[in-house]
Amino acid sequence: RDDAALRALQVELIDRFGLLPAPAKHLFAVTEIKLRAVALGIRKLEAGAESGRIVFGPRTTVDPARILPLIQQQPKRYRLDGAETLRFTLPMAEPQSRLEQVNALLDLLAPAPVAQTPERPSASRTAHV
């Protein structure tokens, strides 16, 4: 249901059975991508050897301002298909490269982290010299 639960399950399996085989590692990686997509309000994500698509849900947290530069700067790789679908063409022949490319794309679509400003001392706590 969340990343922490997924990690806990993975640790438990490794603890019980030893190192995970490649198909199990792949399953965990795909599940992690699905969790990331759900958190971004993505309804569907498909990726094949050469292309894929992302279908955004009605309550997506992806800012359109993060999509537009992709389309404008790399129109052969990214294009909109209607109001809710982003199509992408990327070299993803190998399963591992597919996981890496999709994760990188989700990184690009994720909201930028909010920079925290340092807390200013209040007037009552300011030292007087």
N, C-alpha and C. Protein backbone atom coordinates (compact mmCIF):
# COMPACT_ATOMS: atom_id res chain seq x y z
N ARG A 1 0.82 -1.21 0.00
CA ARG A 1 0.00 0.00 0.00
C ARG A 1 0.86 1.27 0.00
N ASP A 2 2.07 1.19 0.57
CA ASP A 2 2.96 2.33 0.50
C ASP A 2 4.40 1.84 0.41
N ASP A 3 5.29 2.78 0.17
CA ASP A 3 6.70 2.43 -0.04
C ASP A 3 7.31 1.74 1.18
N ALA A 4 6.96 2.21 2.37
CA ALA A 4 7.52 1.61 3.59
C ALA A 4 7.06 0.16 3.74
N ALA A 5 5.80 -0.12 3.45
CA ALA A 5 5.29 -1.48 3.54
C ALA A 5 5.96 -2.38 2.50
N LEU A 6 6.19 -1.84 1.32
CA LEU A 6 6.85 -2.60 0.27
C LEU A 6 8.28 -2.95 0.69
N ARG A 7 8.98 -1.98 1.25
CA ARG A 7 10.35 -2.22 1.72
C ARG A 7 10.36 -3.26 2.85
N ALA A 8 9.41 -3.15 3.77
CA ALA A 8 9.33 -4.10 4.88
C ALA A 8 9.10 -5.52 4.36
N LEU A 9 8.25 -5.66 3.37
CA LEU A 9 8.00 -6.97 2.78
C LEU A 9 9.25 -7.51 2.10
N GLN A 10 9.95 -6.66 1.40
CA GLN A 10 11.17 -7.07 0.72
C GLN A 10 12.22 -7.53 1.73
N VAL A 11 12.39 -6.78 2.81
CA VAL A 11 13.35 -7.16 3.85
C VAL A 11 12.95 -8.48 4.49
N GLU A 12 11.67 -8.65 4.74
CA GLU A 12 11.19 -9.90 5.35
C GLU A 12 11.46 -11.10 4.43
N LEU A 13 11.22 -10.94 3.14
CA LEU A 13 11.48 -12.03 2.20
C LEU A 13 12.97 -12.37 2.14
N ILE A 14 13.80 -11.35 2.11
CA ILE A 14 15.25 -11.58 2.09
C ILE A 14 15.69 -12.27 3.38
N ASP A 15 15.12 -11.84 4.49
CA ASP A 15 15.46 -12.44 5.78
C ASP A 15 15.08 -13.92 5.81
N ARG A 16 13.94 -14.25 5.27
CA ARG A 16 13.46 -15.64 5.29
C ARG A 16 14.11 -16.53 4.25
N PHE A 17 14.29 -15.99 3.03
CA PHE A 17 14.70 -16.84 1.91
C PHE A 17 16.06 -16.50 1.31
N GLY A 18 16.70 -15.46 1.79
CA GLY A 18 17.98 -15.05 1.21
C GLY A 18 17.76 -14.06 0.07
N LEU A 19 18.81 -13.84 -0.70
CA LEU A 19 18.73 -12.87 -1.79
C LEU A 19 17.62 -13.25 -2.77
N LEU A 20 16.94 -12.23 -3.23
CA LEU A 20 15.81 -12.45 -4.13
C LEU A 20 16.30 -12.73 -5.55
N PRO A 21 15.62 -13.64 -6.25
CA PRO A 21 15.96 -13.87 -7.66
C PRO A 21 15.54 -12.66 -8.50
N ALA A 22 16.10 -12.57 -9.70
CA ALA A 22 15.84 -11.43 -10.58
C ALA A 22 14.34 -11.18 -10.82
N PRO A 23 13.53 -12.20 -11.07
CA PRO A 23 12.10 -11.92 -11.29
C PRO A 23 11.42 -11.28 -10.06
N ALA A 24 11.82 -11.69 -8.87
CA ALA A 24 11.24 -11.09 -7.67
C ALA A 24 11.69 -9.63 -7.52
N LYS A 25 12.96 -9.36 -7.81
CA LYS A 25 13.46 -7.99 -7.76
C LYS A 25 12.70 -7.12 -8.76
N HIS A 26 12.47 -7.68 -9.95
CA HIS A 26 11.72 -6.95 -10.98
C HIS A 26 10.30 -6.64 -10.50
N LEU A 27 9.67 -7.61 -9.87
CA LEU A 27 8.31 -7.41 -9.35
C LEU A 27 8.28 -6.27 -8.32
N PHE A 28 9.26 -6.23 -7.43
CA PHE A 28 9.32 -5.14 -6.45
C PHE A 28 9.54 -3.80 -7.13
N ALA A 29 10.39 -3.76 -8.17
CA ALA A 29 10.65 -2.51 -8.88
C ALA A 29 9.39 -2.02 -9.59
N VAL A 30 8.65 -2.94 -10.21
CA VAL A 30 7.41 -2.56 -10.89
C VAL A 30 6.38 -2.07 -9.88
N THR A 31 6.29 -2.73 -8.75
CA THR A 31 5.34 -2.32 -7.71
C THR A 31 5.70 -0.94 -7.16
N GLU A 32 6.98 -0.67 -7.02
CA GLU A 32 7.42 0.66 -6.57
C GLU A 32 7.00 1.73 -7.57
N ILE A 33 7.15 1.44 -8.85
CA ILE A 33 6.72 2.39 -9.89
C ILE A 33 5.21 2.61 -9.82
N LYS A 34 4.46 1.53 -9.61
CA LYS A 34 3.00 1.67 -9.50
C LYS A 34 2.62 2.55 -8.32
N LEU A 35 3.31 2.39 -7.19
CA LEU A 35 3.03 3.23 -6.03
C LEU A 35 3.34 4.69 -6.32
N ARG A 36 4.45 4.94 -7.00
CA ARG A 36 4.79 6.32 -7.37
C ARG A 36 3.74 6.91 -8.31
N ALA A 37 3.29 6.11 -9.27
CA ALA A 37 2.30 6.59 -10.23
C ALA A 37 0.99 6.93 -9.53
N VAL A 38 0.54 6.07 -8.64
CA VAL A 38 -0.70 6.32 -7.90
C VAL A 38 -0.57 7.60 -7.08
N ALA A 39 0.58 7.80 -6.44
CA ALA A 39 0.79 9.01 -5.64
C ALA A 39 0.73 10.28 -6.49
N LEU A 40 1.07 10.17 -7.77
CA LEU A 40 1.02 11.31 -8.67
C LEU A 40 -0.35 11.48 -9.34
N GLY A 41 -1.27 10.59 -9.04
CA GLY A 41 -2.59 10.67 -9.65
C GLY A 41 -2.61 10.14 -11.07
N ILE A 42 -1.71 9.22 -11.36
CA ILE A 42 -1.67 8.60 -12.68
C ILE A 42 -2.58 7.39 -12.66
N ARG A 43 -3.51 7.36 -13.60
CA ARG A 43 -4.49 6.28 -13.65
C ARG A 43 -3.93 5.03 -14.33
N LYS A 44 -3.08 5.23 -15.34
CA LYS A 44 -2.53 4.10 -16.08
C LYS A 44 -1.16 4.46 -16.61
N LEU A 45 -0.23 3.50 -16.53
CA LEU A 45 1.11 3.69 -17.06
C LEU A 45 1.48 2.41 -17.81
N GLU A 46 1.81 2.56 -19.08
CA GLU A 46 2.22 1.44 -19.90
C GLU A 46 3.55 1.78 -20.55
N ALA A 47 4.47 0.80 -20.58
CA ALA A 47 5.76 1.01 -21.22
C ALA A 47 6.17 -0.26 -21.94
N GLY A 48 6.45 -0.12 -23.23
CA GLY A 48 6.92 -1.25 -24.03
C GLY A 48 8.37 -1.04 -24.41
N ALA A 49 8.84 -1.80 -25.36
CA ALA A 49 10.25 -1.76 -25.76
C ALA A 49 10.66 -0.41 -26.36
N GLU A 50 9.73 0.28 -26.99
CA GLU A 50 10.07 1.54 -27.65
C GLU A 50 9.22 2.72 -27.25
N SER A 51 8.05 2.45 -26.68
CA SER A 51 7.16 3.57 -26.36
C SER A 51 6.25 3.21 -25.21
N GLY A 52 5.53 4.24 -24.75
CA GLY A 52 4.59 4.02 -23.66
C GLY A 52 3.63 5.18 -23.55
N ARG A 53 2.79 5.09 -22.55
CA ARG A 53 1.83 6.18 -22.32
C ARG A 53 1.51 6.28 -20.85
N ILE A 54 1.17 7.48 -20.47
CA ILE A 54 0.72 7.77 -19.11
C ILE A 54 -0.66 8.41 -19.24
N VAL A 55 -1.63 7.83 -18.54
CA VAL A 55 -2.97 8.39 -18.51
C VAL A 55 -3.17 9.01 -17.13
N PHE A 56 -3.39 10.31 -17.12
CA PHE A 56 -3.56 11.03 -15.87
C PHE A 56 -5.00 10.92 -15.38
N GLY A 57 -5.15 10.75 -14.08
CA GLY A 57 -6.47 10.70 -13.48
C GLY A 57 -7.02 12.11 -13.29
N PRO A 58 -8.27 12.20 -12.88
CA PRO A 58 -8.89 13.53 -12.72
C PRO A 58 -8.27 14.35 -11.59
N ARG A 59 -7.61 13.71 -10.66
CA ARG A 59 -7.00 14.43 -9.53
C ARG A 59 -5.49 14.30 -9.51
N THR A 60 -4.89 14.34 -10.68
CA THR A 60 -3.45 14.20 -10.75
C THR A 60 -2.75 15.37 -10.07
N THR A 61 -1.60 15.10 -9.48
CA THR A 61 -0.80 16.16 -8.86
C THR A 61 0.29 16.64 -9.80
N VAL A 62 0.32 16.11 -11.02
CA VAL A 62 1.32 16.53 -12.00
C VAL A 62 0.91 17.88 -12.56
N ASP A 63 1.81 18.84 -12.42
CA ASP A 63 1.57 20.18 -12.92
C ASP A 63 1.79 20.19 -14.43
N PRO A 64 0.83 20.69 -15.20
CA PRO A 64 1.03 20.76 -16.66
C PRO A 64 2.29 21.52 -17.05
N ALA A 65 2.74 22.43 -16.20
CA ALA A 65 3.95 23.19 -16.48
C ALA A 65 5.20 22.29 -16.47
N ARG A 66 5.09 21.09 -15.91
CA ARG A 66 6.20 20.14 -15.93
C ARG A 66 6.17 19.30 -17.21
N ILE A 67 5.01 19.21 -17.84
CA ILE A 67 4.87 18.42 -19.07
C ILE A 67 5.23 19.24 -20.30
N LEU A 68 4.81 20.50 -20.31
CA LEU A 68 5.00 21.34 -21.50
C LEU A 68 6.46 21.44 -21.96
N PRO A 69 7.43 21.64 -21.06
CA PRO A 69 8.82 21.69 -21.53
C PRO A 69 9.28 20.39 -22.19
N LEU A 70 8.80 19.26 -21.70
CA LEU A 70 9.16 17.98 -22.31
C LEU A 70 8.69 17.95 -23.76
N ILE A 71 7.45 18.36 -23.97
CA ILE A 71 6.86 18.34 -25.31
C ILE A 71 7.52 19.37 -26.22
N GLN A 72 7.79 20.55 -25.67
CA GLN A 72 8.39 21.61 -26.47
C GLN A 72 9.85 21.33 -26.82
N GLN A 73 10.60 20.80 -25.87
CA GLN A 73 12.03 20.58 -26.09
C GLN A 73 12.34 19.25 -26.78
N GLN A 74 11.45 18.27 -26.64
CA GLN A 74 11.70 16.95 -27.22
C GLN A 74 10.42 16.40 -27.87
N PRO A 75 9.92 17.07 -28.91
CA PRO A 75 8.64 16.67 -29.49
C PRO A 75 8.64 15.28 -30.13
N LYS A 76 9.81 14.76 -30.48
CA LYS A 76 9.85 13.41 -31.04
C LYS A 76 9.74 12.35 -29.94
N ARG A 77 10.02 12.72 -28.73
CA ARG A 77 9.95 11.78 -27.60
C ARG A 77 8.64 11.86 -26.83
N TYR A 78 8.10 13.06 -26.71
CA TYR A 78 6.92 13.26 -25.88
C TYR A 78 5.84 14.00 -26.67
N ARG A 79 4.60 13.53 -26.50
CA ARG A 79 3.48 14.25 -27.12
C ARG A 79 2.21 13.96 -26.34
N LEU A 80 1.32 14.93 -26.36
CA LEU A 80 0.02 14.74 -25.72
C LEU A 80 -0.93 14.07 -26.70
N ASP A 81 -1.74 13.19 -26.15
CA ASP A 81 -2.77 12.52 -26.93
C ASP A 81 -4.08 12.78 -26.20
N GLY A 82 -4.71 13.88 -26.53
CA GLY A 82 -5.89 14.31 -25.79
C GLY A 82 -5.47 15.06 -24.54
N ALA A 83 -6.42 15.31 -23.68
CA ALA A 83 -6.16 16.12 -22.49
C ALA A 83 -5.54 15.34 -21.35
N GLU A 84 -5.64 14.00 -21.40
CA GLU A 84 -5.20 13.26 -20.22
C GLU A 84 -4.11 12.22 -20.49
N THR A 85 -3.60 12.13 -21.72
CA THR A 85 -2.61 11.09 -22.03
C THR A 85 -1.32 11.70 -22.56
N LEU A 86 -0.21 11.29 -21.96
CA LEU A 86 1.12 11.67 -22.42
C LEU A 86 1.75 10.43 -23.04
N ARG A 87 2.09 10.52 -24.31
CA ARG A 87 2.77 9.41 -24.99
C ARG A 87 4.26 9.72 -25.02
N PHE A 88 5.07 8.67 -24.87
CA PHE A 88 6.51 8.86 -24.91
C PHE A 88 7.17 7.75 -25.73
N THR A 89 8.24 8.13 -26.43
CA THR A 89 9.02 7.21 -27.24
C THR A 89 10.45 7.27 -26.72
N LEU A 90 10.87 6.19 -26.10
CA LEU A 90 12.20 6.12 -25.50
C LEU A 90 12.79 4.75 -25.77
N PRO A 91 14.12 4.65 -25.84
CA PRO A 91 14.74 3.33 -26.01
C PRO A 91 14.63 2.53 -24.71
N MET A 92 13.79 1.50 -24.73
CA MET A 92 13.55 0.72 -23.50
C MET A 92 13.46 -0.77 -23.82
N ALA A 93 14.33 -1.28 -24.67
CA ALA A 93 14.24 -2.66 -25.11
C ALA A 93 14.43 -3.65 -23.96
N GLU A 94 15.35 -3.37 -23.08
CA GLU A 94 15.62 -4.26 -21.95
C GLU A 94 14.73 -3.90 -20.77
N PRO A 95 14.25 -4.89 -20.02
CA PRO A 95 13.39 -4.59 -18.86
C PRO A 95 14.01 -3.62 -17.87
N GLN A 96 15.32 -3.75 -17.61
CA GLN A 96 15.97 -2.85 -16.65
C GLN A 96 15.98 -1.42 -17.16
N SER A 97 16.26 -1.24 -18.47
CA SER A 97 16.26 0.12 -19.01
C SER A 97 14.85 0.70 -19.00
N ARG A 98 13.84 -0.15 -19.17
CA ARG A 98 12.45 0.30 -19.11
C ARG A 98 12.14 0.84 -17.72
N LEU A 99 12.56 0.10 -16.69
CA LEU A 99 12.33 0.56 -15.32
C LEU A 99 13.04 1.89 -15.07
N GLU A 100 14.27 1.98 -15.53
CA GLU A 100 15.05 3.21 -15.33
C GLU A 100 14.42 4.40 -16.06
N GLN A 101 13.99 4.19 -17.31
CA GLN A 101 13.40 5.28 -18.09
C GLN A 101 12.08 5.74 -17.47
N VAL A 102 11.26 4.80 -17.03
CA VAL A 102 9.98 5.17 -16.43
C VAL A 102 10.21 5.90 -15.11
N ASN A 103 11.14 5.43 -14.30
CA ASN A 103 11.45 6.12 -13.05
C ASN A 103 11.96 7.54 -13.32
N ALA A 104 12.81 7.69 -14.33
CA ALA A 104 13.32 9.02 -14.68
C ALA A 104 12.19 9.93 -15.13
N LEU A 105 11.25 9.40 -15.90
CA LEU A 105 10.11 10.20 -16.35
C LEU A 105 9.23 10.60 -15.17
N LEU A 106 9.00 9.68 -14.24
CA LEU A 106 8.21 10.02 -13.05
C LEU A 106 8.93 11.09 -12.22
N ASP A 107 10.26 11.03 -12.18
CA ASP A 107 11.03 12.08 -11.49
C ASP A 107 10.77 13.44 -12.13
N LEU A 108 10.74 13.46 -13.47
CA LEU A 108 10.49 14.73 -14.18
C LEU A 108 9.08 15.26 -13.93
N LEU A 109 8.13 14.36 -13.78
CA LEU A 109 6.73 14.78 -13.61
C LEU A 109 6.38 15.11 -12.16
N ALA A 110 7.13 14.59 -11.22
CA ALA A 110 6.83 14.80 -9.81
C ALA A 110 6.96 16.28 -9.46
N PRO A 111 6.13 16.74 -8.53
CA PRO A 111 6.24 18.13 -8.11
C PRO A 111 7.63 18.42 -7.56
N ALA A 112 8.11 19.60 -7.84
CA ALA A 112 9.42 20.00 -7.32
C ALA A 112 9.34 20.07 -5.80
N PRO A 113 10.40 19.61 -5.13
CA PRO A 113 10.38 19.69 -3.67
C PRO A 113 10.34 21.16 -3.22
N VAL A 114 9.59 21.38 -2.19
CA VAL A 114 9.45 22.73 -1.65
C VAL A 114 10.66 23.02 -0.78
N ALA A 115 11.35 24.09 -1.11
CA ALA A 115 12.52 24.47 -0.32
C ALA A 115 12.06 25.04 1.01
N GLN A 116 12.64 24.52 2.06
CA GLN A 116 12.29 25.01 3.37
C GLN A 116 13.17 26.21 3.69
N THR A 117 12.53 27.26 4.17
CA THR A 117 13.29 28.44 4.55
C THR A 117 13.70 28.29 6.00
N PRO A 118 14.90 28.73 6.32
CA PRO A 118 15.34 28.61 7.72
C PRO A 118 14.44 29.43 8.62
N GLU A 119 14.20 28.90 9.77
CA GLU A 119 13.33 29.60 10.73
C GLU A 119 14.04 30.84 11.23
N ARG A 120 13.33 31.93 11.20
CA ARG A 120 13.90 33.18 11.70
C ARG A 120 13.65 33.28 13.19
N PRO A 121 14.62 33.73 13.92
CA PRO A 121 14.40 33.90 15.36
C PRO A 121 13.35 34.97 15.60
N SER A 122 12.49 34.72 16.54
CA SER A 122 11.47 35.72 16.85
C SER A 122 12.12 36.87 17.61
N ALA A 123 11.43 37.98 17.65
CA ALA A 123 11.97 39.18 18.29
C ALA A 123 12.29 38.92 19.76
N SER A 124 11.50 38.09 20.41
CA SER A 124 11.73 37.84 21.83
C SER A 124 12.95 36.97 22.06
N ARG A 125 13.37 36.19 21.03
CA ARG A 125 14.53 35.32 21.21
C ARG A 125 15.80 35.91 20.62
N THR A 126 15.71 37.07 20.00
CA THR A 126 16.86 37.69 19.39
C THR A 126 17.77 38.24 20.49
N ALA A 127 19.02 37.88 20.36
CA ALA A 127 19.99 38.35 21.36
C ALA A 127 20.31 39.82 21.12
N HIS A 128 20.38 40.56 22.19
CA HIS A 128 20.75 41.98 22.08
C HIS A 128 22.19 42.12 22.53
N VAL A 129 22.94 42.83 21.71
CA VAL A 129 24.36 43.01 22.02
C VAL A 129 24.61 44.40 22.48
